[in-house]
Amino acid sequence: MDVRKIRQELRLGRSFYDLPLRVTFYARVSTDMDAQLNSLENQVQYYTEFIQSKRNWIFVPGYIDEGISGGTTKKRDDFNRMIADAKAGCFDFIITKEISRFSRSTLDSIQYTQLLLDYNVGVFFQNDNINTLDSDSEFRLVVMAGVAQDEIRKLSERIKFGFRQSIKNGRVLGNDKLYGYDKKDCIMTVNEAEAEIVRTIFDLYANHGLGIRKISQALYAMGYTSREGNEFNQLTIRHMLENPKYKGWYCGNKTQNLDYRTKKKAFLDESEWVMYPDPTIPAIVSEELWDRANAIYKERSKQMKEHANGASYHNRYPYSGKIYCEEHGTTYHRHLLENKTGKKEAWHCKVYRAKGRAGCSAPQLRSEELDQIMADIFTQLMKDKNTIIDSLVAVLQSVPQEVDYSKAKQRVEDELAQIHAKKDRLLELSMADALTVTEFKSRNEAFNQQLRTLESQLATIQIEEERQKNAALDLDKIRAALDRELSFTDGINSSLVSTILDKIVVKKESTKEEIYLDIYLKMFGNFDKIAYSASFRRAKNTMPILPIRRI
């Protein structure tokens, strides 16, 4: 029915109950608590019976949203479906309880009621006695919706005040499932079984130098799993290391609400966080260990960011992110050249890759050329190879074992002994006719499954322990391998290049035929940096290297 004609009928004194309308309803509750759901059921029953009781109305099934806030319409599926059906002409009139059920945002309320009127659909806010088919409804709607919006703002402020008071009264808010803790009635207690794993994570990271991925693998090898029985997620370990609750500190004010209506948040800088020792949070690790682990974490993160220009911190290719074009200050990017002999690794300036020769005149470099130059430089540096080998072996001998597997083995062996004892007791019960055959078989198989799982864990731990021992035993083989590597008889070692090479700068005067390079090595001997200048002229099938000199 056309809204203009309806308003003409109403001006003539007719009630909208007398008009032949297709009528539906909209109901919503903001939480899924039992009391609220009961309220929702009552709303549905009431509006169904109310609409069907009107002789001139045709009932159209209503639209219902459960457990959804009225602050925004974005996540209200049935509300949005109702708007789409209104556009499609499925009904003429909507009844809802009040403006705050429809929307607590003035903007949304006005926008959607006007949109519905464009679709020739009116809305009756029953408790507020506002019918958008009345010509004066818009002014009244603005006033009432403004009140509703102010109420949600006050509610937001009351919630914030409640948070502050709870914290002041020693009640810990936030995550109820924080690993290592049990939480009941806002009181945190240490879960010792999980706390042991948390301490192991901090110990492996801060004292043994393991990275997050290695820690995840080591925990699984030791028989430690997540609550779901899986290998620990690397993101989970990272969040554990960063969370100050593990040292007994409160941490808040990490985010700030930008708009109470849209729920948009901004993440604040660490300098703006509120952190302090909280006696209501029991510490799992010492402050010293937590601070040391986080200092290492920040340093590693900083290194990753510094290497982010052109390549990631952990890269498969030794020259990635380390070759720079002096002309543009950008890195060289890797690609493969194909010819009759196969594929060869080469490097081009980033600007050249984007714009071609017109963008950058710096020449292409080939990895085989760089390998030969690096081998010549390392040969010059290896004047006392035996002394270097002795130093490296001494360092290897001083490195502690990555993981102490003895505790993990003992734990699994204790659990195996407990399961065997339970199986013995089960057999005794069966022989005494205290169990049926079916019950015995069922319980016995459950114990057998646990035994198989534990025996598998024990075997894995023993394999890892043996592998770790073998890796550090044969010093003669280690010496022979170092001698071979430092003689470069098998070519240049990519790991050595990745470790020692700081950067290679392709000089502006370089051409396609004649290349000039400055090469910088890091942390070698008593120097922070060592720089070399190298140049070579390309000729067909040959690559003569001109003398490399130190600068």
Protein backbone atom coordinates (compact mmCIF):
# COMPACT_ATOMS: atom_id res chain seq x y z
CA MET A 1 0.00 0.00 0.00
CA ASP A 2 1.22 3.52 -0.82
CA VAL A 3 2.29 5.60 2.22
CA ARG A 4 0.74 8.77 0.76
CA LYS A 5 -2.68 7.08 0.50
CA ILE A 6 -2.36 5.66 4.03
CA ARG A 7 -1.70 9.13 5.44
CA GLN A 8 -4.75 10.46 3.59
CA GLU A 9 -6.88 7.73 5.22
CA LEU A 10 -5.44 8.55 8.67
CA ARG A 11 -6.20 12.28 8.21
CA LEU A 12 -9.82 11.32 7.53
CA GLY A 13 -9.99 9.80 11.01
CA ARG A 14 -9.44 6.14 10.24
CA SER A 15 -7.15 4.09 12.52
CA PHE A 16 -4.28 2.12 11.04
CA TYR A 17 -5.86 -0.95 12.68
CA ASP A 18 -8.72 -0.53 10.17
CA LEU A 19 -6.45 -0.54 7.12
CA PRO A 20 -5.85 -3.72 5.05
CA LEU A 21 -2.12 -4.12 5.79
CA ARG A 22 0.35 -6.98 5.60
CA VAL A 23 1.98 -6.75 9.02
CA THR A 24 5.16 -8.32 10.47
CA PHE A 25 7.22 -7.70 13.59
CA TYR A 26 10.88 -7.32 14.63
CA ALA A 27 12.20 -8.68 17.96
CA ARG A 28 15.70 -8.62 19.41
CA VAL A 29 17.53 -9.37 22.66
CA SER A 30 21.09 -8.23 23.29
CA THR A 31 22.38 -11.33 25.14
CA ASP A 32 21.75 -15.07 24.97
CA MET A 33 21.08 -15.46 28.72
CA ASP A 34 18.11 -17.64 29.66
CA ALA A 35 16.10 -14.71 31.00
CA GLN A 36 16.62 -12.73 27.81
CA LEU A 37 15.73 -15.67 25.59
CA ASN A 38 12.56 -16.13 27.61
CA SER A 39 11.82 -12.45 26.98
CA LEU A 40 12.33 -13.05 23.27
CA GLU A 41 9.88 -15.98 23.28
CA ASN A 42 7.33 -13.75 24.99
CA GLN A 43 7.84 -11.03 22.38
CA VAL A 44 7.34 -13.49 19.52
CA GLN A 45 4.18 -14.94 21.07
CA TYR A 46 2.77 -11.51 21.89
CA TYR A 47 3.27 -9.99 18.43
CA THR A 48 2.05 -13.09 16.62
CA GLU A 49 -1.20 -13.10 18.61
CA PHE A 50 -1.52 -9.28 18.45
CA ILE A 51 -1.23 -9.11 14.66
CA GLN A 52 -3.51 -12.12 14.08
CA SER A 53 -6.15 -10.57 16.32
CA LYS A 54 -6.64 -7.62 13.94
CA ARG A 55 -9.41 -8.45 11.45
CA ASN A 56 -8.06 -6.29 8.60
CA TRP A 57 -4.40 -7.31 8.94
CA ILE A 58 -2.60 -10.16 7.23
CA PHE A 59 0.09 -11.79 9.42
CA VAL A 60 3.62 -12.08 7.93
CA PRO A 61 6.15 -14.17 9.98
CA GLY A 62 8.42 -11.96 12.01
CA TYR A 63 12.18 -11.29 12.09
CA ILE A 64 14.23 -12.21 15.16
CA ASP A 65 17.86 -11.49 16.20
CA GLU A 66 19.29 -13.26 19.28
CA GLY A 67 22.27 -12.12 21.39
CA ILE A 68 23.01 -9.06 19.22
CA SER A 69 23.73 -5.53 20.47
CA GLY A 70 21.53 -2.65 19.34
CA GLY A 71 24.51 -0.30 18.95
CA THR A 72 24.82 -1.11 15.24
CA THR A 73 22.89 -2.99 12.55
CA LYS A 74 25.94 -4.46 10.80
CA LYS A 75 25.81 -7.92 12.44
CA ARG A 76 22.02 -8.27 12.73
CA ASP A 77 21.22 -10.82 10.04
CA ASP A 78 17.43 -10.90 10.41
CA PHE A 79 17.21 -7.11 10.60
CA ASN A 80 19.07 -6.79 7.32
CA ARG A 81 16.93 -9.56 5.79
CA MET A 82 13.84 -7.61 6.90
CA ILE A 83 15.08 -4.48 5.09
CA ALA A 84 15.69 -6.53 1.92
CA ASP A 85 12.19 -8.09 2.13
CA ALA A 86 10.67 -4.64 2.63
CA LYS A 87 12.33 -3.48 -0.57
CA ALA A 88 10.93 -6.57 -2.31
CA GLY A 89 7.38 -5.60 -1.18
CA CYS A 90 6.81 -8.56 1.19
CA PHE A 91 4.85 -6.51 3.78
CA ASP A 92 3.44 -3.02 4.51
CA PHE A 93 3.97 -2.50 8.23
CA ILE A 94 6.44 -3.49 11.01
CA ILE A 95 5.69 -3.56 14.72
CA THR A 96 8.53 -3.51 17.24
CA LYS A 97 8.72 -2.95 20.98
CA GLU A 98 10.67 0.32 21.16
CA ILE A 99 13.28 2.40 19.39
CA SER A 100 16.14 0.72 21.30
CA ARG A 101 15.00 -2.67 19.93
CA PHE A 102 15.08 -1.30 16.39
CA SER A 103 18.39 0.54 16.87
CA ARG A 104 20.05 2.61 19.61
CA SER A 105 21.85 4.73 17.04
CA THR A 106 20.01 7.90 16.04
CA LEU A 107 21.69 7.73 12.66
CA ASP A 108 20.54 4.15 12.07
CA SER A 109 17.00 4.80 13.35
CA ILE A 110 16.40 7.80 11.08
CA GLN A 111 18.16 6.23 8.11
CA TYR A 112 16.26 2.94 8.21
CA THR A 113 12.81 4.36 8.98
CA GLN A 114 13.21 6.79 6.06
CA LEU A 115 14.45 3.97 3.86
CA LEU A 116 11.45 1.82 4.83
CA LEU A 117 9.08 4.70 4.04
CA ASP A 118 10.71 4.91 0.60
CA TYR A 119 9.76 1.23 0.24
CA ASN A 120 6.17 2.12 1.34
CA VAL A 121 6.64 0.36 4.70
CA GLY A 122 5.75 1.95 8.02
CA VAL A 123 7.09 1.13 11.50
CA PHE A 124 5.19 1.24 14.82
CA PHE A 125 7.39 1.63 17.93
CA GLN A 126 4.77 0.39 20.39
CA ASN A 127 6.15 1.45 23.81
CA ASP A 128 7.16 4.87 22.44
CA ASN A 129 3.80 5.24 20.63
CA ILE A 130 5.50 6.40 17.44
CA ASN A 131 4.00 5.38 14.12
CA THR A 132 6.08 6.45 11.11
CA LEU A 133 2.90 6.49 9.02
CA ASP A 134 1.91 9.60 11.02
CA SER A 135 3.18 12.80 9.39
CA ASP A 136 4.65 14.17 12.67
CA SER A 137 6.52 10.95 13.51
CA GLU A 138 9.95 12.02 12.27
CA PHE A 139 10.39 14.83 14.81
CA ARG A 140 9.26 12.58 17.69
CA LEU A 141 11.56 9.81 16.41
CA VAL A 142 14.59 12.12 16.43
CA VAL A 143 13.91 13.06 20.07
CA MET A 144 13.29 9.49 21.27
CA ALA A 145 16.17 7.95 19.30
CA GLY A 146 18.50 10.62 20.69
CA VAL A 147 17.52 9.53 24.22
CA ALA A 148 18.19 5.89 23.30
CA GLN A 149 21.60 6.76 21.89
CA ASP A 150 22.53 8.70 25.00
CA GLU A 151 21.54 5.66 27.08
CA ILE A 152 24.00 3.39 25.26
CA ARG A 153 26.72 6.03 25.79
CA LYS A 154 25.97 6.03 29.52
CA LEU A 155 25.98 2.22 29.55
CA SER A 156 29.44 2.24 27.97
CA GLU A 157 30.69 4.63 30.65
CA ARG A 158 29.14 2.52 33.43
CA ILE A 159 30.87 -0.60 32.12
CA LYS A 160 34.24 1.20 32.05
CA PHE A 161 33.68 2.44 35.61
CA GLY A 162 32.80 -1.12 36.71
CA PHE A 163 36.03 -2.43 35.17
CA ARG A 164 38.09 0.15 37.04
CA GLN A 165 36.36 -0.62 40.35
CA SER A 166 36.80 -4.39 39.89
CA ILE A 167 40.52 -3.95 39.27
CA LYS A 168 40.77 -1.65 42.29
CA ASN A 169 39.06 -4.31 44.44
CA GLY A 170 41.51 -7.02 43.39
CA ARG A 171 39.29 -8.80 40.87
CA VAL A 172 41.23 -9.90 37.76
CA LEU A 173 39.36 -9.19 34.53
CA GLY A 174 40.06 -10.38 31.02
CA ASN A 175 40.81 -13.82 29.60
CA ASP A 176 39.19 -16.64 31.61
CA LYS A 177 41.27 -19.30 29.81
CA LEU A 178 44.80 -17.95 30.18
CA TYR A 179 47.21 -20.87 29.89
CA GLY A 180 48.90 -21.70 33.18
CA TYR A 181 46.06 -20.36 35.33
CA ASP A 182 42.64 -21.38 36.59
CA LYS A 183 40.15 -18.57 37.10
CA LYS A 184 36.98 -18.61 39.17
CA ASP A 185 34.95 -15.62 40.34
CA CYS A 186 37.67 -13.30 38.96
CA ILE A 187 40.31 -14.94 41.18
CA MET A 188 43.36 -16.46 39.47
CA THR A 189 45.24 -19.48 40.77
CA VAL A 190 48.22 -21.30 39.24
CA ASN A 191 47.53 -24.51 37.32
CA GLU A 192 50.78 -26.31 38.13
CA ALA A 193 50.61 -28.79 35.24
CA GLU A 194 50.31 -25.96 32.71
CA ALA A 195 52.64 -23.63 34.64
CA GLU A 196 55.47 -26.15 34.22
CA ILE A 197 55.11 -25.81 30.44
CA VAL A 198 55.06 -21.98 30.66
CA ARG A 199 58.29 -22.04 32.68
CA THR A 200 59.85 -24.42 30.13
CA ILE A 201 58.95 -22.01 27.31
CA PHE A 202 60.60 -19.04 29.05
CA ASP A 203 63.66 -21.15 29.95
CA LEU A 204 64.15 -22.44 26.39
CA TYR A 205 63.74 -18.96 24.94
CA ALA A 206 65.78 -16.88 27.41
CA ASN A 207 68.42 -19.38 28.60
CA HIS A 208 68.90 -21.75 25.68
CA GLY A 209 68.40 -19.39 22.76
CA LEU A 210 65.70 -21.42 21.00
CA GLY A 211 63.39 -19.66 18.58
CA ILE A 212 59.61 -19.91 18.82
CA ARG A 213 59.31 -22.60 16.12
CA LYS A 214 62.03 -24.71 17.77
CA ILE A 215 60.31 -24.34 21.15
CA SER A 216 57.06 -25.64 19.67
CA GLN A 217 58.87 -28.68 18.26
CA ALA A 218 60.80 -29.29 21.49
CA LEU A 219 57.64 -29.17 23.62
CA TYR A 220 55.94 -31.73 21.40
CA ALA A 221 59.02 -33.98 21.54
CA MET A 222 58.91 -33.74 25.34
CA GLY A 223 55.28 -34.87 25.34
CA TYR A 224 53.79 -31.43 26.07
CA THR A 225 50.74 -30.51 24.02
CA SER A 226 48.15 -27.76 23.93
CA ARG A 227 44.79 -28.13 25.66
CA GLU A 228 43.46 -29.59 22.42
CA GLY A 229 46.25 -32.19 22.33
CA ASN A 230 48.11 -30.57 19.43
CA GLU A 231 51.56 -29.07 18.97
CA PHE A 232 51.71 -25.58 20.53
CA ASN A 233 50.83 -22.88 18.02
CA GLN A 234 53.71 -20.44 17.46
CA LEU A 235 51.39 -17.46 17.92
CA THR A 236 50.30 -18.88 21.29
CA ILE A 237 53.94 -19.12 22.43
CA ARG A 238 54.60 -15.57 21.26
CA HIS A 239 51.62 -14.26 23.25
CA MET A 240 52.81 -16.17 26.34
CA LEU A 241 56.24 -14.56 26.14
CA GLU A 242 54.72 -11.07 25.85
CA ASN A 243 52.07 -11.40 28.57
CA PRO A 244 53.20 -9.65 31.81
CA LYS A 245 50.67 -11.61 33.88
CA TYR A 246 53.18 -14.49 33.91
CA LYS A 247 55.49 -12.35 36.06
CA GLY A 248 52.58 -11.25 38.29
CA TRP A 249 51.91 -7.87 36.68
CA TYR A 250 48.64 -6.25 35.60
CA CYS A 251 48.63 -4.84 32.07
CA GLY A 252 45.81 -2.69 30.74
CA ASN A 253 45.01 0.29 28.52
CA LYS A 254 46.39 -1.51 25.47
CA THR A 255 43.50 -0.24 23.35
CA GLN A 256 41.21 2.76 23.33
CA ASN A 257 37.62 2.87 22.07
CA LEU A 258 37.30 5.47 19.32
CA ASP A 259 33.49 5.26 19.06
CA TYR A 260 31.13 3.56 21.50
CA ARG A 261 28.64 3.03 18.65
CA THR A 262 30.89 1.35 16.07
CA LYS A 263 33.12 -0.35 18.72
CA LYS A 264 36.19 0.77 16.74
CA LYS A 265 39.43 0.52 18.72
CA ALA A 266 42.96 1.86 18.37
CA PHE A 267 45.99 -0.09 19.64
CA LEU A 268 48.07 2.18 21.86
CA ASP A 269 51.84 2.40 21.96
CA GLU A 270 53.51 0.37 24.72
CA SER A 271 54.52 3.62 26.45
CA GLU A 272 50.81 4.31 27.12
CA TRP A 273 50.03 0.90 28.65
CA VAL A 274 49.18 0.72 32.35
CA MET A 275 51.46 -1.89 33.98
CA TYR A 276 52.23 -2.57 37.62
CA PRO A 277 52.92 -5.50 39.99
CA ASP A 278 49.57 -6.97 41.03
CA PRO A 279 49.45 -9.09 44.20
CA THR A 280 46.19 -10.71 43.01
CA ILE A 281 48.01 -12.33 40.05
CA PRO A 282 50.34 -15.15 41.14
CA ALA A 283 53.61 -15.11 39.16
CA ILE A 284 54.65 -18.22 37.23
CA VAL A 285 58.12 -16.96 36.22
CA SER A 286 60.43 -14.46 37.90
CA GLU A 287 60.46 -10.83 36.81
CA GLU A 288 64.13 -11.20 35.86
CA LEU A 289 63.43 -14.13 33.52
CA TRP A 290 60.38 -12.45 31.97
CA ASP A 291 62.27 -9.18 31.40
CA ARG A 292 65.23 -11.02 29.86
CA ALA A 293 63.00 -13.05 27.55
CA ASN A 294 61.19 -9.92 26.39
CA ALA A 295 64.45 -8.02 25.81
CA ILE A 296 65.56 -10.88 23.53
CA TYR A 297 62.15 -10.92 21.83
CA LYS A 298 62.28 -7.17 21.11
CA GLU A 299 65.83 -7.40 19.77
CA ARG A 300 64.89 -10.25 17.43
CA SER A 301 61.81 -8.34 16.28
CA LYS A 302 63.97 -5.30 15.60
CA GLN A 303 66.37 -7.39 13.52
CA MET A 304 63.49 -8.79 11.51
CA LYS A 305 62.21 -5.28 10.77
CA GLU A 306 65.68 -4.10 9.75
CA HIS A 307 65.91 -6.96 7.27
CA ALA A 308 62.38 -6.41 5.97
CA ASN A 309 63.56 -4.05 3.18
CA GLY A 310 63.95 -6.43 0.27
CA ALA A 311 63.91 -9.77 2.07
CA SER A 312 62.66 -11.42 5.23
CA TYR A 313 64.91 -12.09 8.20
CA HIS A 314 64.97 -15.82 7.57
CA ASN A 315 65.68 -16.25 3.85
CA ARG A 316 66.61 -19.24 1.75
CA TYR A 317 68.98 -17.23 -0.48
CA PRO A 318 72.23 -15.88 1.00
CA TYR A 319 72.26 -12.68 -1.11
CA SER A 320 68.61 -11.75 -0.54
CA GLY A 321 68.23 -8.23 0.80
CA LYS A 322 72.04 -7.72 0.81
CA ILE A 323 72.75 -6.36 -2.69
CA TYR A 324 72.12 -2.62 -3.10
CA CYS A 325 72.06 -0.34 -6.11
CA GLU A 326 74.11 2.76 -5.26
CA GLU A 327 72.22 4.81 -7.86
CA HIS A 328 68.77 4.30 -6.32
CA GLY A 329 69.51 2.93 -2.82
CA THR A 330 67.18 -0.01 -3.47
CA THR A 331 67.84 -3.73 -3.14
CA TYR A 332 68.45 -6.23 -5.90
CA HIS A 333 65.80 -8.91 -6.50
CA ARG A 334 66.40 -12.53 -7.42
CA HIS A 335 65.35 -14.25 -10.65
CA LEU A 336 66.44 -17.27 -12.67
CA LEU A 337 68.12 -17.19 -16.08
CA GLU A 338 67.50 -20.10 -18.43
CA ASN A 339 69.86 -21.28 -21.14
CA LYS A 340 70.98 -24.55 -22.74
CA THR A 341 72.94 -25.58 -19.63
CA GLY A 342 69.98 -25.03 -17.29
CA LYS A 343 68.86 -22.36 -14.81
CA LYS A 344 71.23 -19.88 -13.13
CA GLU A 345 70.51 -17.51 -10.27
CA ALA A 346 70.85 -13.80 -11.06
CA TRP A 347 70.03 -10.46 -9.41
CA HIS A 348 68.60 -7.18 -10.76
CA CYS A 349 67.94 -3.77 -9.19
CA LYS A 350 64.34 -3.38 -8.00
CA VAL A 351 63.90 -0.27 -10.18
CA TYR A 352 65.25 -2.14 -13.22
CA ARG A 353 62.75 -4.97 -12.59
CA ALA A 354 59.93 -2.40 -12.54
CA LYS A 355 60.96 -0.01 -15.36
CA GLY A 356 63.66 -1.79 -17.36
CA ARG A 357 66.92 -0.29 -18.59
CA ALA A 358 65.29 3.15 -18.89
CA GLY A 359 64.71 3.13 -15.14
CA CYS A 360 68.14 1.86 -13.96
CA SER A 361 71.44 1.34 -15.72
CA ALA A 362 72.95 -0.84 -12.96
CA PRO A 363 74.09 -4.21 -14.35
CA GLN A 364 72.76 -7.66 -13.58
CA LEU A 365 74.78 -9.81 -11.13
CA ARG A 366 75.06 -13.59 -11.17
CA SER A 367 75.33 -15.66 -8.02
CA GLU A 368 78.25 -17.65 -9.42
CA GLU A 369 80.22 -14.40 -9.85
CA LEU A 370 79.43 -13.32 -6.29
CA ASP A 371 80.33 -16.79 -4.95
CA GLN A 372 83.79 -16.58 -6.56
CA ILE A 373 84.40 -13.10 -5.14
CA MET A 374 83.28 -14.16 -1.66
CA ALA A 375 85.47 -17.29 -1.81
CA ASP A 376 88.52 -15.13 -2.70
CA ILE A 377 87.75 -12.72 0.17
CA PHE A 378 87.34 -15.57 2.68
CA THR A 379 90.59 -17.14 1.47
CA GLN A 380 92.40 -13.88 2.26
CA LEU A 381 90.82 -13.84 5.71
CA MET A 382 91.71 -17.49 6.49
CA LYS A 383 95.43 -16.94 6.98
CA ASP A 384 95.44 -18.97 10.19
CA LYS A 385 92.78 -21.55 9.44
CA ASN A 386 93.75 -23.95 12.26
CA THR A 387 93.40 -21.25 14.91
CA ILE A 388 89.95 -20.39 13.59
CA ILE A 389 88.91 -24.07 13.62
CA ASP A 390 90.14 -24.46 17.22
CA SER A 391 88.08 -21.41 18.23
CA LEU A 392 84.95 -22.71 16.52
CA VAL A 393 85.28 -26.16 18.13
CA ALA A 394 85.72 -24.55 21.55
CA VAL A 395 82.54 -22.55 21.00
CA LEU A 396 80.64 -25.68 19.97
CA GLN A 397 81.82 -27.53 23.08
CA SER A 398 80.70 -24.69 25.33
CA VAL A 399 77.15 -24.61 23.94
CA PRO A 400 74.75 -26.31 26.40
CA GLN A 401 72.29 -28.94 25.29
CA GLU A 402 69.24 -27.41 23.67
CA VAL A 403 66.78 -29.39 25.77
CA ASP A 404 67.04 -31.43 28.98
CA TYR A 405 65.02 -34.51 28.09
CA SER A 406 65.46 -36.27 31.46
CA LYS A 407 62.44 -34.60 33.11
CA ALA A 408 60.22 -35.37 30.14
CA LYS A 409 61.32 -39.01 30.10
CA GLN A 410 60.73 -39.37 33.83
CA ARG A 411 57.25 -37.87 33.55
CA VAL A 412 56.21 -40.25 30.75
CA GLU A 413 57.73 -43.25 32.54
CA ASP A 414 55.82 -42.36 35.73
CA GLU A 415 52.57 -42.15 33.77
CA LEU A 416 53.31 -45.53 32.14
CA ALA A 417 53.84 -47.10 35.57
CA GLN A 418 50.52 -45.65 36.79
CA ILE A 419 48.62 -47.07 33.79
CA HIS A 420 50.18 -50.53 34.29
CA ALA A 421 49.15 -50.42 37.96
CA LYS A 422 45.59 -49.55 36.94
CA LYS A 423 45.56 -52.46 34.47
CA ASP A 424 46.66 -54.84 37.25
CA ARG A 425 43.88 -53.56 39.51
CA LEU A 426 41.38 -53.92 36.67
CA LEU A 427 42.38 -57.55 36.19
CA GLU A 428 41.94 -58.21 39.91
CA LEU A 429 38.43 -56.75 39.79
CA SER A 430 37.57 -58.89 36.79
CA MET A 431 38.83 -62.07 38.46
CA ALA A 432 36.73 -61.24 41.53
CA ASP A 433 33.66 -60.94 39.27
CA ALA A 434 33.33 -57.27 40.21
CA LEU A 435 33.21 -56.38 36.49
CA THR A 436 31.42 -57.86 33.52
CA VAL A 437 33.49 -59.09 30.58
CA THR A 438 32.23 -56.18 28.48
CA GLU A 439 33.23 -53.61 31.12
CA PHE A 440 36.65 -55.22 31.49
CA LYS A 441 37.31 -55.19 27.74
CA SER A 442 36.17 -51.58 27.40
CA ARG A 443 38.32 -50.26 30.29
CA ASN A 444 41.29 -52.40 29.36
CA GLU A 445 41.26 -51.12 25.77
CA ALA A 446 41.11 -47.53 27.03
CA PHE A 447 44.21 -48.19 29.18
CA ASN A 448 45.96 -49.86 26.21
CA GLN A 449 45.28 -46.80 24.07
CA GLN A 450 46.83 -44.56 26.74
CA LEU A 451 49.84 -46.89 26.91
CA ARG A 452 50.34 -46.74 23.13
CA THR A 453 50.22 -42.95 23.20
CA LEU A 454 52.72 -42.70 26.08
CA GLU A 455 55.07 -45.27 24.56
CA SER A 456 55.04 -43.29 21.31
CA GLN A 457 55.90 -40.11 23.22
CA LEU A 458 58.71 -41.90 25.06
CA ALA A 459 60.15 -43.26 21.81
CA THR A 460 60.09 -39.75 20.29
CA ILE A 461 61.87 -38.27 23.31
CA GLN A 462 64.53 -41.00 23.21
CA ILE A 463 65.12 -40.45 19.48
CA GLU A 464 65.48 -36.67 19.99
CA GLU A 465 67.80 -37.19 22.95
CA GLU A 466 69.99 -39.60 20.95
CA ARG A 467 70.06 -37.26 17.97
CA GLN A 468 71.16 -34.39 20.19
CA LYS A 469 73.95 -36.50 21.74
CA ASN A 470 75.22 -37.72 18.37
CA ALA A 471 75.27 -34.21 16.97
CA ALA A 472 77.82 -33.13 19.56
CA LEU A 473 80.03 -36.22 19.86
CA ASP A 474 82.44 -36.58 16.92
CA LEU A 475 84.80 -33.62 17.13
CA ASP A 476 87.13 -35.13 14.53
CA LYS A 477 84.36 -35.10 11.96
CA ILE A 478 83.51 -31.54 12.95
CA ARG A 479 87.14 -30.47 12.45
CA ALA A 480 87.31 -32.20 9.06
CA ALA A 481 84.07 -30.53 7.96
CA LEU A 482 85.30 -27.10 9.09
CA ASP A 483 88.61 -27.61 7.29
CA ARG A 484 86.76 -28.51 4.08
CA GLU A 485 84.38 -25.57 4.39
CA LEU A 486 87.12 -23.03 5.08
CA SER A 487 89.21 -24.32 2.18
CA PHE A 488 86.30 -23.70 -0.20
CA THR A 489 87.11 -26.86 -2.14
CA ASP A 490 83.38 -27.51 -2.59
CA GLY A 491 82.55 -23.90 -3.42
CA ILE A 492 81.26 -21.19 -1.11
CA ASN A 493 78.93 -22.13 1.75
CA SER A 494 75.67 -20.19 1.60
CA SER A 495 75.25 -20.25 5.39
CA LEU A 496 78.68 -18.67 5.80
CA VAL A 497 77.75 -15.93 3.34
CA SER A 498 74.44 -15.28 5.13
CA THR A 499 76.20 -15.05 8.50
CA ILE A 500 79.18 -12.87 7.60
CA LEU A 501 78.07 -10.78 4.60
CA ASP A 502 76.53 -7.46 5.60
CA LYS A 503 75.90 -5.96 2.15
CA ILE A 504 77.20 -5.56 -1.39
CA VAL A 505 76.91 -2.14 -3.07
CA VAL A 506 76.90 -2.02 -6.89
CA LYS A 507 78.75 1.20 -7.75
CA LYS A 508 77.27 3.82 -10.07
CA GLU A 509 80.17 3.54 -12.53
CA SER A 510 79.41 -0.13 -13.18
CA THR A 511 78.44 -1.14 -16.69
CA LYS A 512 77.15 -4.36 -18.21
CA GLU A 513 80.72 -5.39 -19.11
CA GLU A 514 82.67 -4.01 -16.12
CA ILE A 515 81.35 -4.35 -12.56
CA TYR A 516 82.54 -2.41 -9.50
CA LEU A 517 81.48 -3.53 -6.03
CA ASP A 518 81.97 -2.51 -2.41
CA ILE A 519 81.58 -5.51 -0.08
CA TYR A 520 81.01 -5.19 3.66
CA LEU A 521 81.48 -8.03 6.16
CA LYS A 522 80.20 -7.88 9.73
CA MET A 523 81.48 -9.01 13.16
CA PHE A 524 84.67 -10.71 12.08
CA GLY A 525 87.80 -10.77 14.24
CA ASN A 526 88.28 -7.50 16.12
CA PHE A 527 86.33 -5.43 13.60
CA ASP A 528 82.67 -4.42 13.59
CA LYS A 529 82.80 -4.15 9.81
CA ILE A 530 85.35 -5.04 7.15
CA ALA A 531 85.03 -3.48 3.69
CA TYR A 532 86.48 -4.71 0.40
CA SER A 533 86.46 -3.28 -3.09
CA ALA A 534 86.20 -5.73 -5.99
CA SER A 535 85.79 -5.36 -9.73
CA PHE A 536 85.68 -7.70 -12.69
CA ARG A 537 85.26 -7.57 -16.44
CA ARG A 538 82.87 -9.95 -18.13
CA ALA A 539 84.18 -11.82 -21.14
CA LYS A 540 82.67 -14.65 -23.11
CA ASN A 541 82.85 -17.92 -21.14
CA THR A 542 85.29 -16.41 -18.62
CA MET A 543 85.08 -14.27 -15.54
CA PRO A 544 88.49 -12.84 -14.64
CA ILE A 545 88.44 -11.27 -11.19
CA LEU A 546 90.58 -8.18 -10.80
CA PRO A 547 92.51 -7.86 -7.50
CA ILE A 548 90.31 -7.53 -4.40
CA ARG A 549 91.53 -4.84 -2.07
CA ARG A 550 90.55 -3.83 1.42
CA ILE A 551 89.13 -0.32 1.90
